[in-house]
Amino acid sequence: MDKLDYYIDDFNFSKHDFSQIIIAGWFLHSEKTINEIIFHIGGANYTIDSYGIYSPDVVNALGDRAQNCRFDQIIILPETYFFEDISASF
């Protein structure tokens, strides 16, 4: 059976005006290769370019397939976004 495992380690706004989001964690599919992760918020898509970071802790838990499953990304939001736009995405 196909299975997607993931964990979000960090999800924070890095500025008081909510203009940046810090998101970190990992994704791993049991059978398929993950080529891209897209974060959707406020009607826009942001590619998680940092996906593929080596992750020894996840390797220890899930095996060699999890070697490069981690990401740690700062997403810069347009100045026109308001907290209401962001909260409506969840």
N, C-alpha and C. Protein backbone atom coordinates (compact mmCIF):
# COMPACT_ATOMS: atom_id res chain seq x y z
N MET A 1 0.83 -1.18 0.00
CA MET A 1 0.00 0.00 0.00
C MET A 1 0.88 1.25 0.00
N ASP A 2 0.50 2.23 -0.80
CA ASP A 2 1.23 3.49 -0.83
C ASP A 2 0.99 4.25 0.47
N LYS A 3 2.07 4.84 0.96
CA LYS A 3 1.94 5.58 2.20
C LYS A 3 2.83 6.82 2.18
N LEU A 4 2.24 7.96 2.51
CA LEU A 4 2.98 9.20 2.64
C LEU A 4 3.18 9.47 4.12
N ASP A 5 4.44 9.57 4.52
CA ASP A 5 4.78 9.96 5.88
C ASP A 5 5.30 11.39 5.84
N TYR A 6 4.97 12.15 6.84
CA TYR A 6 5.48 13.52 6.91
C TYR A 6 5.43 14.03 8.34
N TYR A 7 6.17 15.08 8.58
CA TYR A 7 6.13 15.74 9.87
C TYR A 7 6.55 17.20 9.65
N ILE A 8 5.80 18.12 10.22
CA ILE A 8 6.16 19.54 10.16
C ILE A 8 6.81 19.88 11.51
N ASP A 9 8.11 20.15 11.47
CA ASP A 9 8.86 20.47 12.68
C ASP A 9 8.64 21.91 13.13
N ASP A 10 8.47 22.80 12.16
CA ASP A 10 8.40 24.22 12.47
C ASP A 10 7.49 24.91 11.46
N PHE A 11 6.62 25.76 11.96
CA PHE A 11 5.79 26.61 11.11
C PHE A 11 5.55 27.89 11.90
N ASN A 12 6.28 28.93 11.51
CA ASN A 12 6.24 30.19 12.25
C ASN A 12 6.28 31.37 11.31
N PHE A 13 5.70 32.45 11.76
CA PHE A 13 5.85 33.72 11.06
C PHE A 13 7.10 34.38 11.60
N SER A 14 8.00 34.78 10.71
CA SER A 14 9.30 35.29 11.16
C SER A 14 9.32 36.80 11.30
N LYS A 15 8.27 37.47 10.89
CA LYS A 15 8.20 38.92 11.04
C LYS A 15 6.88 39.28 11.71
N HIS A 16 6.85 40.36 12.38
CA HIS A 16 5.63 40.77 13.07
C HIS A 16 4.51 41.11 12.10
N ASP A 17 4.85 41.42 10.88
CA ASP A 17 3.82 41.78 9.90
C ASP A 17 3.36 40.59 9.06
N PHE A 18 3.77 39.40 9.43
CA PHE A 18 3.38 38.16 8.75
C PHE A 18 3.87 38.10 7.31
N SER A 19 4.96 38.77 6.98
CA SER A 19 5.45 38.78 5.60
C SER A 19 6.33 37.58 5.27
N GLN A 20 6.76 36.83 6.26
CA GLN A 20 7.59 35.65 6.03
C GLN A 20 7.10 34.49 6.88
N ILE A 21 7.12 33.32 6.27
CA ILE A 21 6.79 32.09 6.99
C ILE A 21 8.01 31.19 6.97
N ILE A 22 8.35 30.64 8.12
CA ILE A 22 9.40 29.62 8.19
C ILE A 22 8.69 28.29 8.33
N ILE A 23 9.00 27.37 7.42
CA ILE A 23 8.40 26.04 7.47
C ILE A 23 9.51 25.00 7.30
N ALA A 24 9.50 24.01 8.19
CA ALA A 24 10.54 22.97 8.15
C ALA A 24 9.90 21.64 8.52
N GLY A 25 10.45 20.57 7.99
CA GLY A 25 9.96 19.24 8.29
C GLY A 25 10.47 18.24 7.28
N TRP A 26 9.69 17.19 7.06
CA TRP A 26 10.10 16.18 6.09
C TRP A 26 8.88 15.49 5.50
N PHE A 27 9.05 14.99 4.28
CA PHE A 27 8.06 14.19 3.56
C PHE A 27 8.75 12.97 2.99
N LEU A 28 8.07 11.83 3.06
CA LEU A 28 8.61 10.60 2.49
C LEU A 28 7.46 9.71 2.06
N HIS A 29 7.53 9.23 0.83
CA HIS A 29 6.53 8.28 0.34
C HIS A 29 7.16 6.90 0.36
N SER A 30 6.39 5.90 0.75
CA SER A 30 6.93 4.55 0.92
C SER A 30 7.36 3.91 -0.40
N GLU A 31 6.78 4.32 -1.52
CA GLU A 31 7.10 3.67 -2.80
C GLU A 31 7.49 4.64 -3.91
N LYS A 32 7.00 5.87 -3.85
CA LYS A 32 7.23 6.82 -4.94
C LYS A 32 8.27 7.86 -4.54
N THR A 33 8.93 8.40 -5.54
CA THR A 33 9.89 9.47 -5.33
C THR A 33 9.15 10.79 -5.33
N ILE A 34 9.42 11.62 -4.35
CA ILE A 34 8.83 12.95 -4.29
C ILE A 34 9.77 13.89 -5.03
N ASN A 35 9.26 14.49 -6.09
CA ASN A 35 10.08 15.39 -6.91
C ASN A 35 9.88 16.85 -6.54
N GLU A 36 8.74 17.17 -5.95
CA GLU A 36 8.44 18.57 -5.67
C GLU A 36 7.41 18.66 -4.56
N ILE A 37 7.58 19.65 -3.71
CA ILE A 37 6.59 19.97 -2.69
C ILE A 37 6.14 21.40 -2.93
N ILE A 38 4.85 21.59 -2.93
CA ILE A 38 4.29 22.93 -3.14
C ILE A 38 3.45 23.29 -1.93
N PHE A 39 3.71 24.45 -1.38
CA PHE A 39 2.97 24.99 -0.25
C PHE A 39 1.96 25.98 -0.80
N HIS A 40 0.69 25.77 -0.50
CA HIS A 40 -0.38 26.61 -1.02
C HIS A 40 -0.94 27.46 0.11
N ILE A 41 -0.90 28.77 -0.07
CA ILE A 41 -1.44 29.66 0.95
C ILE A 41 -1.95 30.94 0.30
N GLY A 42 -3.08 31.40 0.75
CA GLY A 42 -3.62 32.65 0.26
C GLY A 42 -3.87 32.68 -1.23
N GLY A 43 -4.18 31.53 -1.81
CA GLY A 43 -4.45 31.47 -3.25
C GLY A 43 -3.21 31.39 -4.13
N ALA A 44 -2.03 31.26 -3.53
CA ALA A 44 -0.79 31.18 -4.31
C ALA A 44 -0.02 29.91 -3.94
N ASN A 45 0.80 29.44 -4.88
CA ASN A 45 1.65 28.26 -4.67
C ASN A 45 3.10 28.69 -4.53
N TYR A 46 3.78 28.06 -3.56
CA TYR A 46 5.21 28.31 -3.33
C TYR A 46 5.93 26.97 -3.33
N THR A 47 6.88 26.82 -4.23
CA THR A 47 7.67 25.60 -4.29
C THR A 47 8.65 25.56 -3.13
N ILE A 48 8.71 24.42 -2.46
CA ILE A 48 9.67 24.22 -1.37
C ILE A 48 10.98 23.76 -2.00
N ASP A 49 11.81 24.74 -2.35
CA ASP A 49 13.07 24.46 -3.07
C ASP A 49 14.09 23.72 -2.22
N SER A 50 13.98 23.82 -0.92
CA SER A 50 14.99 23.20 -0.06
C SER A 50 14.75 21.71 0.16
N TYR A 51 13.66 21.14 -0.37
CA TYR A 51 13.39 19.72 -0.17
C TYR A 51 14.55 18.88 -0.70
N GLY A 52 14.99 17.93 0.11
CA GLY A 52 16.09 17.05 -0.28
C GLY A 52 17.28 17.12 0.66
N ILE A 53 17.12 17.80 1.79
CA ILE A 53 18.20 17.90 2.78
C ILE A 53 18.37 16.55 3.47
N TYR A 54 19.63 16.17 3.68
CA TYR A 54 19.95 14.92 4.38
C TYR A 54 19.33 14.94 5.78
N SER A 55 18.77 13.80 6.20
CA SER A 55 18.05 13.74 7.46
C SER A 55 18.37 12.45 8.22
N PRO A 56 19.48 12.43 8.98
CA PRO A 56 19.88 11.21 9.66
C PRO A 56 18.86 10.71 10.69
N ASP A 57 18.13 11.62 11.32
CA ASP A 57 17.15 11.18 12.32
C ASP A 57 16.00 10.41 11.67
N VAL A 58 15.57 10.85 10.50
CA VAL A 58 14.48 10.15 9.81
C VAL A 58 15.01 8.84 9.22
N VAL A 59 16.27 8.82 8.77
CA VAL A 59 16.88 7.57 8.29
C VAL A 59 16.87 6.54 9.42
N ASN A 60 17.24 6.95 10.62
CA ASN A 60 17.26 6.03 11.76
C ASN A 60 15.87 5.46 12.05
N ALA A 61 14.85 6.26 11.83
CA ALA A 61 13.49 5.82 12.13
C ALA A 61 12.85 5.04 10.99
N LEU A 62 13.12 5.45 9.73
CA LEU A 62 12.39 4.89 8.59
C LEU A 62 13.25 4.19 7.54
N GLY A 63 14.57 4.24 7.69
CA GLY A 63 15.44 3.53 6.76
C GLY A 63 16.07 4.42 5.71
N ASP A 64 16.92 3.80 4.89
CA ASP A 64 17.74 4.53 3.91
C ASP A 64 16.93 5.35 2.91
N ARG A 65 15.73 4.94 2.63
CA ARG A 65 14.90 5.68 1.68
C ARG A 65 14.65 7.13 2.15
N ALA A 66 14.82 7.39 3.43
CA ALA A 66 14.54 8.70 4.01
C ALA A 66 15.77 9.62 4.06
N GLN A 67 16.84 9.27 3.37
CA GLN A 67 18.07 10.04 3.49
C GLN A 67 17.91 11.52 3.17
N ASN A 68 17.19 11.86 2.13
CA ASN A 68 17.11 13.26 1.69
C ASN A 68 15.66 13.72 1.63
N CYS A 69 14.99 13.64 2.75
CA CYS A 69 13.56 13.93 2.77
C CYS A 69 13.20 15.21 3.53
N ARG A 70 14.18 15.91 4.02
CA ARG A 70 13.93 17.07 4.88
C ARG A 70 13.91 18.37 4.06
N PHE A 71 13.23 19.38 4.61
CA PHE A 71 13.24 20.73 4.03
C PHE A 71 13.24 21.76 5.15
N ASP A 72 13.72 22.95 4.84
CA ASP A 72 13.76 24.07 5.77
C ASP A 72 13.71 25.33 4.93
N GLN A 73 12.59 26.00 4.92
CA GLN A 73 12.33 27.03 3.91
C GLN A 73 11.76 28.30 4.55
N ILE A 74 12.15 29.42 3.99
CA ILE A 74 11.52 30.71 4.30
C ILE A 74 10.70 31.09 3.08
N ILE A 75 9.44 31.36 3.30
CA ILE A 75 8.55 31.78 2.23
C ILE A 75 8.23 33.25 2.46
N ILE A 76 8.53 34.06 1.46
CA ILE A 76 8.26 35.49 1.56
C ILE A 76 6.92 35.76 0.88
N LEU A 77 6.01 36.30 1.66
CA LEU A 77 4.67 36.57 1.17
C LEU A 77 4.58 37.99 0.61
N PRO A 78 3.70 38.19 -0.36
CA PRO A 78 3.50 39.56 -0.88
C PRO A 78 3.02 40.50 0.23
N GLU A 79 3.38 41.76 0.11
CA GLU A 79 2.98 42.74 1.12
C GLU A 79 1.47 42.91 1.18
N THR A 80 0.79 42.49 0.15
CA THR A 80 -0.67 42.65 0.10
C THR A 80 -1.40 41.59 0.91
N TYR A 81 -0.69 40.58 1.41
CA TYR A 81 -1.33 39.54 2.22
C TYR A 81 -1.62 40.08 3.61
N PHE A 82 -2.73 39.70 4.12
CA PHE A 82 -3.10 40.02 5.48
C PHE A 82 -3.31 38.72 6.24
N PHE A 83 -3.29 38.79 7.55
CA PHE A 83 -3.46 37.59 8.35
C PHE A 83 -4.76 36.85 7.99
N GLU A 84 -5.80 37.61 7.65
CA GLU A 84 -7.08 36.98 7.27
C GLU A 84 -6.91 36.09 6.04
N ASP A 85 -6.09 36.52 5.07
CA ASP A 85 -5.84 35.72 3.87
C ASP A 85 -5.14 34.42 4.25
N ILE A 86 -4.20 34.50 5.17
CA ILE A 86 -3.44 33.33 5.57
C ILE A 86 -4.30 32.38 6.38
N SER A 87 -5.04 32.90 7.34
CA SER A 87 -5.86 32.02 8.19
C SER A 87 -6.98 31.36 7.39
N ALA A 88 -7.44 31.99 6.34
CA ALA A 88 -8.48 31.40 5.50
C ALA A 88 -7.96 30.19 4.72
N SER A 89 -6.64 30.05 4.62
CA SER A 89 -6.05 28.93 3.88
C SER A 89 -6.02 27.66 4.70
N PHE A 90 -6.23 27.75 6.00
CA PHE A 90 -6.14 26.58 6.87
C PHE A 90 -7.50 26.04 7.21
